[in-house]
C-alpha atoms as a PDB file:
ATOM      1  CA  MET A   1     -66.325 131.944 220.702  1.00  0.00           C
ATOM      2  CA  GLY A   2     -68.746 134.085 218.721  1.00  0.00           C
ATOM      3  CA  ASP A   3     -70.989 134.369 221.801  1.00  0.00           C
ATOM      4  CA  PHE A   4     -68.165 136.249 223.511  1.00  0.00           C
ATOM      5  CA  LEU A   5     -66.505 138.031 220.588  1.00  0.00           C
ATOM      6  CA  VAL A   6     -69.467 140.124 219.434  1.00  0.00           C
ATOM      7  CA  PRO A   7     -70.309 141.539 222.913  1.00  0.00           C
ATOM      8  CA  ALA A   8     -66.590 142.084 223.553  1.00  0.00           C
ATOM      9  CA  ILE A   9     -66.203 144.117 220.368  1.00  0.00           C
ATOM     10  CA  TYR A  10     -69.305 146.116 221.255  1.00  0.00           C
ATOM     11  CA  ALA A  11     -67.967 146.873 224.751  1.00  0.00           C
ATOM     12  CA  VAL A  12     -64.572 147.945 223.361  1.00  0.00           C
ATOM     13  CA  MET A  13     -66.097 150.201 220.724  1.00  0.00           C
ATOM     14  CA  VAL A  14     -68.526 151.809 223.180  1.00  0.00           C
ATOM     15  CA  TRP A  15     -65.698 152.369 225.700  1.00  0.00           C
ATOM     16  CA  TRP A  16     -63.380 153.872 223.085  1.00  0.00           C
ATOM     17  CA  PHE A  17     -65.972 156.049 221.335  1.00  0.00           C
ATOM     18  CA  THR A  18     -67.767 157.424 224.393  1.00  0.00           C
ATOM     19  CA  THR A  19     -64.459 158.230 226.111  1.00  0.00           C
ATOM     20  CA  GLY A  20     -63.298 159.984 222.971  1.00  0.00           C
ATOM     21  CA  MET A  21     -66.520 161.957 222.568  1.00  0.00           C
ATOM     22  CA  ILE A  22     -66.364 163.199 226.156  1.00  0.00           C
ATOM     23  CA  LEU A  23     -62.730 164.256 225.694  1.00  0.00           C
ATOM     24  CA  PHE A  24     -63.593 165.937 222.393  1.00  0.00           C
ATOM     25  CA  LEU A  25     -66.532 167.892 223.817  1.00  0.00           C
ATOM     26  CA  ASP A  26     -64.513 168.834 226.880  1.00  0.00           C
ATOM     27  CA  GLY A  27     -61.779 170.196 224.609  1.00  0.00           C
ATOM     28  CA  LEU A  28     -64.146 172.622 222.897  1.00  0.00           C
ATOM     29  CA  PRO A  29     -64.498 176.238 224.093  1.00  0.00           C
ATOM     30  CA  PRO A  30     -66.293 176.515 227.478  1.00  0.00           C
ATOM     31  CA  ALA A  31     -69.126 178.415 225.802  1.00  0.00           C
ATOM     32  CA  THR A  32     -70.206 175.113 224.206  1.00  0.00           C
ATOM     33  CA  PHE A  33     -70.383 173.224 227.504  1.00  0.00           C
ATOM     34  CA  ARG A  34     -73.999 174.120 228.264  1.00  0.00           C
ATOM     35  CA  TRP A  35     -75.121 172.770 224.900  1.00  0.00           C
ATOM     36  CA  SER A  36     -73.115 169.580 225.382  1.00  0.00           C
ATOM     37  CA  MET A  37     -74.557 169.100 228.868  1.00  0.00           C
ATOM     38  CA  THR A  38     -78.068 169.779 227.586  1.00  0.00           C
ATOM     39  CA  ALA A  39     -77.682 167.055 224.951  1.00  0.00           C
ATOM     40  CA  ALA A  40     -76.143 164.737 227.557  1.00  0.00           C
ATOM     41  CA  THR A  41     -79.045 165.407 229.922  1.00  0.00           C
ATOM     42  CA  VAL A  42     -81.517 164.417 227.211  1.00  0.00           C
ATOM     43  CA  CYS A  43     -79.572 161.174 226.775  1.00  0.00           C
ATOM     44  CA  LEU A  44     -79.538 160.718 230.559  1.00  0.00           C
ATOM     45  CA  SER A  45     -83.312 161.111 230.745  1.00  0.00           C
ATOM     46  CA  ALA A  46     -83.788 158.560 227.988  1.00  0.00           C
ATOM     47  CA  ALA A  47     -81.369 156.154 229.675  1.00  0.00           C
ATOM     48  CA  VAL A  48     -83.175 156.438 233.018  1.00  0.00           C
ATOM     49  CA  TYR A  49     -86.538 155.762 231.384  1.00  0.00           C
ATOM     50  CA  ILE A  50     -85.238 152.842 229.315  1.00  0.00           C
ATOM     51  CA  THR A  51     -83.502 151.356 232.353  1.00  0.00           C
ATOM     52  CA  ARG A  52     -86.860 151.062 234.083  1.00  0.00           C
ATOM     53  CA  THR A  53     -88.589 149.560 231.054  1.00  0.00           C
ATOM     54  CA  SER A  54     -85.783 147.228 229.948  1.00  0.00           C
ATOM     55  CA  CYS A  55     -85.145 145.609 233.340  1.00  0.00           C
ATOM     56  CA  VAL A  56     -87.734 142.953 232.549  1.00  0.00           C
ATOM     57  CA  ASP A  57     -86.242 142.172 229.133  1.00  0.00           C
ATOM     58  CA  VAL A  58     -84.055 139.067 229.362  1.00  0.00           C
ATOM     59  CA  SER A  59     -83.245 138.844 225.668  1.00  0.00           C
ATOM     60  CA  ILE A  60     -79.921 139.582 223.978  1.00  0.00           C
ATOM     61  CA  ASN A  61     -81.252 143.017 223.038  1.00  0.00           C
ATOM     62  CA  GLY A  62     -82.179 143.564 226.677  1.00  0.00           C
ATOM     63  CA  ALA A  63     -78.579 142.919 227.758  1.00  0.00           C
ATOM     64  CA  TYR A  64     -77.182 145.367 225.209  1.00  0.00           C
ATOM     65  CA  THR A  65     -79.821 147.973 226.034  1.00  0.00           C
ATOM     66  CA  ALA A  66     -79.239 147.838 229.785  1.00  0.00           C
ATOM     67  CA  PHE A  67     -75.447 147.953 229.294  1.00  0.00           C
ATOM     68  CA  SER A  68     -75.753 150.981 227.004  1.00  0.00           C
ATOM     69  CA  CYS A  69     -78.011 152.787 229.481  1.00  0.00           C
ATOM     70  CA  ALA A  70     -75.367 152.430 232.192  1.00  0.00           C
ATOM     71  CA  ILE A  71     -72.751 153.877 229.842  1.00  0.00           C
ATOM     72  CA  LEU A  72     -74.988 156.876 229.073  1.00  0.00           C
ATOM     73  CA  ILE A  73     -75.673 157.537 232.752  1.00  0.00           C
ATOM     74  CA  TRP A  74     -71.973 157.225 233.546  1.00  0.00           C
ATOM     75  CA  GLY A  75     -71.102 159.479 230.616  1.00  0.00           C
ATOM     76  CA  TRP A  76     -73.333 162.240 232.007  1.00  0.00           C
ATOM     77  CA  LEU A  77     -71.549 162.038 235.352  1.00  0.00           C
ATOM     78  CA  GLU A  78     -68.140 162.168 233.673  1.00  0.00           C
ATOM     79  CA  MET A  79     -69.109 165.164 231.536  1.00  0.00           C
ATOM     80  CA  SER A  80     -70.571 167.016 234.507  1.00  0.00           C
ATOM     81  CA  PHE A  81     -67.244 166.566 236.289  1.00  0.00           C
ATOM     82  CA  LEU A  82     -64.845 167.285 233.434  1.00  0.00           C
ATOM     83  CA  MET A  83     -66.804 170.362 232.362  1.00  0.00           C
ATOM     84  CA  GLY A  84     -66.708 171.677 235.917  1.00  0.00           C
ATOM     85  CA  TYR A  85     -70.418 171.550 236.719  1.00  0.00           C
ATOM     86  CA  ILE A  86     -70.329 168.916 239.469  1.00  0.00           C
ATOM     87  CA  THR A  87     -66.904 168.717 241.103  1.00  0.00           C
ATOM     88  CA  GLY A  88     -66.428 169.873 244.690  1.00  0.00           C
ATOM     89  CA  PRO A  89     -66.153 172.988 246.877  1.00  0.00           C
ATOM     90  CA  ARG A  90     -62.356 173.108 246.568  1.00  0.00           C
ATOM     91  CA  LYS A  91     -61.225 174.793 243.343  1.00  0.00           C
ATOM     92  CA  HIS A  92     -57.486 175.054 243.927  1.00  0.00           C
ATOM     93  CA  ALA A  93     -54.529 172.818 244.659  1.00  0.00           C
ATOM     94  CA  CYS A  94     -52.828 172.425 248.014  1.00  0.00           C
ATOM     95  CA  ILE A  95     -49.691 174.228 249.039  1.00  0.00           C
ATOM     96  CA  GLU A  96     -46.477 172.245 248.586  1.00  0.00           C
ATOM     97  CA  ARG A  97     -46.138 171.327 252.257  1.00  0.00           C
ATOM     98  CA  CYS A  98     -49.637 169.850 252.473  1.00  0.00           C
ATOM     99  CA  SER A  99     -49.524 166.078 252.984  1.00  0.00           C
ATOM    100  CA  GLY A 100     -50.991 163.149 254.839  1.00  0.00           C
ATOM    101  CA  TRP A 101     -54.586 163.073 256.028  1.00  0.00           C
ATOM    102  CA  ARG A 102     -55.086 166.802 255.467  1.00  0.00           C
ATOM    103  CA  HIS A 103     -54.038 166.432 251.830  1.00  0.00           C
ATOM    104  CA  PHE A 104     -56.465 163.510 251.393  1.00  0.00           C
ATOM    105  CA  VAL A 105     -59.310 165.597 252.834  1.00  0.00           C
ATOM    106  CA  HIS A 106     -58.492 168.420 250.418  1.00  0.00           C
ATOM    107  CA  ALA A 107     -58.449 165.988 247.493  1.00  0.00           C
ATOM    108  CA  THR A 108     -61.831 164.649 248.582  1.00  0.00           C
ATOM    109  CA  GLU A 109     -63.223 168.180 248.773  1.00  0.00           C
ATOM    110  CA  ALA A 110     -62.206 168.713 245.135  1.00  0.00           C
ATOM    111  CA  ILE A 111     -64.399 165.834 243.861  1.00  0.00           C
ATOM    112  CA  ILE A 112     -66.971 165.153 246.586  1.00  0.00           C
ATOM    113  CA  TYR A 113     -70.029 166.544 244.788  1.00  0.00           C
ATOM    114  CA  ASN A 114     -69.419 164.226 241.849  1.00  0.00           C
ATOM    115  CA  GLU A 115     -69.023 161.262 244.176  1.00  0.00           C
ATOM    116  CA  ILE A 116     -72.319 162.128 245.868  1.00  0.00           C
ATOM    117  CA  ALA A 117     -73.993 162.402 242.457  1.00  0.00           C
ATOM    118  CA  THR A 118     -72.579 158.983 241.546  1.00  0.00           C
ATOM    119  CA  LEU A 119     -73.923 157.514 244.777  1.00  0.00           C
ATOM    120  CA  ILE A 120     -77.374 158.982 244.058  1.00  0.00           C
ATOM    121  CA  ALA A 121     -77.269 157.557 240.520  1.00  0.00           C
ATOM    122  CA  ALA A 122     -76.304 154.116 241.829  1.00  0.00           C
ATOM    123  CA  ALA A 123     -79.144 154.230 244.367  1.00  0.00           C
ATOM    124  CA  GLY A 124     -81.576 155.260 241.634  1.00  0.00           C
ATOM    125  CA  ILE A 125     -80.512 152.405 239.365  1.00  0.00           C
ATOM    126  CA  LEU A 126     -80.766 149.982 242.284  1.00  0.00           C
ATOM    127  CA  ALA A 127     -84.314 151.150 243.021  1.00  0.00           C
ATOM    128  CA  ALA A 128     -85.334 151.065 239.352  1.00  0.00           C
ATOM    129  CA  THR A 129     -84.106 147.494 238.855  1.00  0.00           C
ATOM    130  CA  TRP A 130     -84.988 146.100 242.283  1.00  0.00           C
ATOM    131  CA  GLY A 131     -86.276 142.553 241.946  1.00  0.00           C
ATOM    132  CA  ALA A 132     -86.064 142.676 238.140  1.00  0.00           C
ATOM    133  CA  PRO A 133     -84.539 139.814 236.118  1.00  0.00           C
ATOM    134  CA  ASN A 134     -82.334 142.162 234.068  1.00  0.00           C
ATOM    135  CA  ARG A 135     -79.977 144.134 236.311  1.00  0.00           C
ATOM    136  CA  MET A 136     -77.265 144.722 233.745  1.00  0.00           C
ATOM    137  CA  THR A 137     -77.498 148.493 234.127  1.00  0.00           C
ATOM    138  CA  LEU A 138     -76.719 148.182 237.832  1.00  0.00           C
ATOM    139  CA  TRP A 139     -73.794 145.748 237.467  1.00  0.00           C
ATOM    140  CA  THR A 140     -72.283 147.761 234.627  1.00  0.00           C
ATOM    141  CA  PHE A 141     -72.549 150.986 236.612  1.00  0.00           C
ATOM    142  CA  LEU A 142     -71.026 149.397 239.725  1.00  0.00           C
ATOM    143  CA  ILE A 143     -68.033 148.122 237.745  1.00  0.00           C
ATOM    144  CA  LEU A 144     -67.457 151.592 236.307  1.00  0.00           C
ATOM    145  CA  TRP A 145     -67.776 153.206 239.724  1.00  0.00           C
ATOM    146  CA  ALA A 146     -65.519 150.741 241.552  1.00  0.00           C
ATOM    147  CA  MET A 147     -62.759 150.902 238.951  1.00  0.00           C
ATOM    148  CA  ARG A 148     -62.910 154.695 238.681  1.00  0.00           C
ATOM    149  CA  LEU A 149     -62.667 154.994 242.465  1.00  0.00           C
ATOM    150  CA  SER A 150     -59.677 152.646 242.382  1.00  0.00           C
ATOM    151  CA  ALA A 151     -58.055 154.769 239.660  1.00  0.00           C
ATOM    152  CA  LYS A 152     -58.581 157.969 241.670  1.00  0.00           C
ATOM    153  CA  LEU A 153     -57.012 156.448 244.772  1.00  0.00           C
ATOM    154  CA  ASN A 154     -54.037 155.183 242.781  1.00  0.00           C
ATOM    155  CA  LEU A 155     -53.526 158.610 241.212  1.00  0.00           C
ATOM    156  CA  PHE A 156     -53.595 160.161 244.671  1.00  0.00           C
ATOM    157  CA  LEU A 157     -51.153 157.636 246.148  1.00  0.00           C
ATOM    158  CA  GLY A 158     -48.826 157.839 243.154  1.00  0.00           C
ATOM    159  CA  VAL A 159     -48.236 156.207 239.766  1.00  0.00           C
ATOM    160  CA  PRO A 160     -45.739 156.958 236.967  1.00  0.00           C
ATOM    161  CA  ASN A 161     -48.372 158.095 234.441  1.00  0.00           C
ATOM    162  CA  VAL A 162     -50.949 160.436 235.959  1.00  0.00           C
ATOM    163  CA  GLY A 163     -52.620 161.298 232.644  1.00  0.00           C
ATOM    164  CA  GLU A 164     -52.455 165.067 233.045  1.00  0.00           C
ATOM    165  CA  LYS A 165     -52.984 165.450 229.287  1.00  0.00           C
ATOM    166  CA  PHE A 166     -56.595 164.400 229.782  1.00  0.00           C
ATOM    167  CA  LEU A 167     -57.316 167.231 232.234  1.00  0.00           C
ATOM    168  CA  PRO A 168     -58.962 170.338 230.728  1.00  0.00           C
ATOM    169  CA  PRO A 169     -57.549 173.793 231.601  1.00  0.00           C
ATOM    170  CA  HIS A 170     -60.262 174.556 234.168  1.00  0.00           C
ATOM    171  CA  LEU A 171     -59.374 171.396 236.148  1.00  0.00           C
ATOM    172  CA  GLN A 172     -55.598 171.771 236.096  1.00  0.00           C
ATOM    173  CA  TYR A 173     -55.608 172.355 239.848  1.00  0.00           C
ATOM    174  CA  LEU A 174     -56.426 168.646 240.265  1.00  0.00           C
ATOM    175  CA  LYS A 175     -52.853 167.831 239.257  1.00  0.00           C
ATOM    176  CA  GLY A 176     -51.886 169.035 242.712  1.00  0.00           C
ATOM    177  CA  PHE A 177     -53.593 165.933 244.090  1.00  0.00           C
ATOM    178  CA  PHE A 178     -51.790 163.535 241.730  1.00  0.00           C
ATOM    179  CA  ARG A 179     -48.463 162.063 242.705  1.00  0.00           C
ATOM    180  CA  LYS A 180     -45.807 160.648 240.396  1.00  0.00           C
ATOM    181  CA  ARG A 181     -43.979 157.662 241.818  1.00  0.00           C
ATOM    182  CA  ALA A 182     -42.925 154.223 240.631  1.00  0.00           C
ATOM    183  CA  MET A 183     -45.579 152.323 242.603  1.00  0.00           C
ATOM    184  CA  ASN A 184     -47.929 152.507 245.557  1.00  0.00           C
ATOM    185  CA  PHE A 185     -49.204 149.803 247.891  1.00  0.00           C
ATOM    186  CA  LEU A 186     -52.757 149.885 246.505  1.00  0.00           C
ATOM    187  CA  PHE A 187     -51.973 149.333 242.835  1.00  0.00           C
ATOM    188  CA  PRO A 188     -51.043 145.612 242.977  1.00  0.00           C
ATOM    189  CA  LEU A 189     -53.998 144.958 245.271  1.00  0.00           C
ATOM    190  CA  SER A 190     -56.531 146.724 243.038  1.00  0.00           C
ATOM    191  CA  VAL A 191     -55.205 145.147 239.838  1.00  0.00           C
ATOM    192  CA  SER A 192     -55.031 141.687 241.389  1.00  0.00           C
ATOM    193  CA  ALA A 193     -58.547 141.896 242.826  1.00  0.00           C
ATOM    194  CA  SER A 194     -60.073 143.174 239.586  1.00  0.00           C
ATOM    195  CA  THR A 195     -58.226 140.522 237.583  1.00  0.00           C
ATOM    196  CA  VAL A 196     -59.598 137.806 239.859  1.00  0.00           C
ATOM    197  CA  VAL A 197     -63.126 139.162 239.384  1.00  0.00           C
ATOM    198  CA  THR A 198     -62.544 139.220 235.616  1.00  0.00           C
ATOM    199  CA  VAL A 199     -61.576 135.538 235.692  1.00  0.00           C
ATOM    200  CA  LEU A 200     -64.664 134.742 237.768  1.00  0.00           C
ATOM    201  CA  LEU A 201     -66.823 136.518 235.200  1.00  0.00           C
ATOM    202  CA  VAL A 202     -65.210 134.459 232.445  1.00  0.00           C
ATOM    203  CA  GLN A 203     -66.164 131.345 234.396  1.00  0.00           C
ATOM    204  CA  LYS A 204     -69.702 132.680 234.746  1.00  0.00           C
ATOM    205  CA  PHE A 205     -69.798 133.215 230.992  1.00  0.00           C
ATOM    206  CA  ALA A 206     -68.633 129.648 230.373  1.00  0.00           C
ATOM    207  CA  ALA A 207     -71.397 128.328 232.627  1.00  0.00           C
ATOM    208  CA  ALA A 208     -74.086 130.738 231.391  1.00  0.00           C
ATOM    209  CA  ASP A 209     -77.563 129.386 230.820  1.00  0.00           C
ATOM    210  CA  GLY A 210     -79.021 130.983 227.721  1.00  0.00           C
ATOM    211  CA  ALA A 211     -78.191 133.846 225.366  1.00  0.00           C
ATOM    212  CA  PHE A 212     -79.092 136.627 227.801  1.00  0.00           C
ATOM    213  CA  GLN A 213     -76.727 135.392 230.485  1.00  0.00           C
ATOM    214  CA  SER A 214     -73.861 134.701 228.095  1.00  0.00           C
ATOM    215  CA  THR A 215     -74.208 138.135 226.478  1.00  0.00           C
ATOM    216  CA  SER A 216     -74.423 139.852 229.865  1.00  0.00           C
ATOM    217  CA  TYR A 217     -71.349 138.135 231.260  1.00  0.00           C
ATOM    218  CA  ALA A 218     -69.408 138.785 228.058  1.00  0.00           C
ATOM    219  CA  LEU A 219     -70.195 142.503 228.244  1.00  0.00           C
ATOM    220  CA  LEU A 220     -69.313 142.753 231.931  1.00  0.00           C
ATOM    221  CA  THR A 221     -66.119 140.741 231.493  1.00  0.00           C
ATOM    222  CA  SER A 222     -64.981 142.914 228.600  1.00  0.00           C
ATOM    223  CA  LEU A 223     -65.728 146.144 230.459  1.00  0.00           C
ATOM    224  CA  LEU A 224     -63.849 145.041 233.561  1.00  0.00           C
ATOM    225  CA  ALA A 225     -60.914 143.820 231.466  1.00  0.00           C
ATOM    226  CA  LEU A 226     -60.747 147.244 229.804  1.00  0.00           C
ATOM    227  CA  ALA A 227     -60.722 148.892 233.228  1.00  0.00           C
ATOM    228  CA  VAL A 228     -57.829 146.644 234.270  1.00  0.00           C
ATOM    229  CA  ILE A 229     -55.949 147.648 231.116  1.00  0.00           C
ATOM    230  CA  GLU A 230     -56.608 151.315 231.938  1.00  0.00           C
ATOM    231  CA  HIS A 231     -55.032 150.705 235.333  1.00  0.00           C
ATOM    232  CA  TRP A 232     -51.943 149.263 233.664  1.00  0.00           C
ATOM    233  CA  PHE A 233     -51.715 152.401 231.528  1.00  0.00           C
ATOM    234  CA  MET A 234     -50.903 154.231 234.770  1.00  0.00           C
ATOM    235  CA  VAL A 235     -47.683 152.296 235.340  1.00  0.00           C
ATOM    236  CA  LEU A 236     -46.510 151.091 231.923  1.00  0.00           C
ATOM    237  CA  PRO A 237     -44.580 153.375 229.527  1.00  0.00           C
ATOM    238  CA  LEU A 238     -47.361 153.411 226.944  1.00  0.00           C
ATOM    239  CA  PRO A 239     -48.724 156.568 225.253  1.00  0.00           C
ATOM    240  CA  SER A 240     -52.380 155.829 226.042  1.00  0.00           C
ATOM    241  CA  GLU A 241     -53.446 159.265 224.793  1.00  0.00           C
ATOM    242  CA  ARG A 242     -52.795 158.071 221.232  1.00  0.00           C
ATOM    243  CA  LEU A 243     -55.969 156.005 221.486  1.00  0.00           C
ATOM    244  CA  TRP A 244     -57.915 159.265 221.487  1.00  0.00           C
ATOM    245  CA  ASN A 245     -55.726 161.544 219.369  1.00  0.00           C
ATOM    246  CA  TRP A 246     -58.763 162.465 217.297  1.00  0.00           C
ATOM    247  CA  ALA A 247     -60.601 163.588 220.424  1.00  0.00           C
ATOM    248  CA  LEU A 248     -57.717 165.529 221.952  1.00  0.00           C
ATOM    249  CA  LYS A 249     -57.257 167.632 218.796  1.00  0.00           C
ATOM    250  CA  ALA A 250     -60.044 169.939 219.948  1.00  0.00           C
ATOM    251  CA  ASP A 251     -58.193 170.603 223.188  1.00  0.00           C
ATOM    252  CA  ARG A 252     -54.929 171.256 221.361  1.00  0.00           C
ATOM    253  CA  ALA A 253     -56.719 173.607 218.956  1.00  0.00           C
ATOM    254  CA  ALA A 254     -58.226 175.524 221.875  1.00  0.00           C
ATOM    255  CA  ASP A 255     -54.774 175.859 223.468  1.00  0.00           C
ATOM    256  CA  ALA A 256     -53.106 177.086 220.261  1.00  0.00           C
ATOM    257  CA  PRO A 257     -54.038 180.812 220.625  1.00  0.00           C
ATOM    258  CA  LEU A 258     -52.860 180.807 224.228  1.00  0.00           C
ATOM    259  CA  LYS A 259     -49.559 179.187 223.287  1.00  0.00           C
ATOM    260  CA  ALA A 260     -49.081 181.674 220.446  1.00  0.00           C
ATOM    261  CA  GLN A 261     -49.728 184.559 222.849  1.00  0.00           C
ATOM    262  CA  ARG A 262     -47.152 183.188 225.260  1.00  0.00           C
ATOM    263  CA  ARG A 263     -44.545 182.873 222.513  1.00  0.00           C
ATOM    264  CA  ALA A 264     -45.238 186.456 221.449  1.00  0.00           C
ATOM    265  CA  THR A 265     -44.505 187.749 224.938  1.00  0.00           C
ATOM    266  CA  LEU A 266     -41.143 185.973 225.201  1.00  0.00           C
END
């Protein structure tokens, strides 16, 4: 049990803290974004270098290191999107009558640059770890990418909780590509498929040969399980934003002067 519990706790804490830090930094005044991205780029450079050097390390530390590198690389991509640096050519929402395939194309245009950057990052990680015994960075990154893509598609097709509170002011136009509805056809498929993969990873953990494998499968299982839970947040009446209240305070503080100005004009 301890072989699974420690990596699981680590994965949960990393997921919770890094998500919160990105939300916190994104809630600060836009003038701070360049400094945040500069610091994130330094972390990205370190993660890329360590990914190449740690891919031959099949110890417990090697599993944690490779997992953490994937989180840092993913964090840079998330920050570059949420801070508006790498999004897409479309910077406004659709008109009300826009629907169907045209609406999907417009939604894709709003995020396509970030998706291309993610593809390039995945290809780089694949090349850096090709033929290496430790490919935890790659598998971790692919889980994050697949589940984020699933979340984006579900938000586009429609879920009850679209999480608009997590969008910064400069990305509010993305709400035009979210749809609120009780359910969509993709949600049960994506949750079922990811749950099946989670169970398979648990079985891999149970049959793991050595500490490196057991730690790796425990980390991957925990991360995927968290992504499944995040999917359920989209349909269950749960205030998921409370998990990151401390991070969202910066955004609320930044909005306070604007809200006060609006009240003064009423």
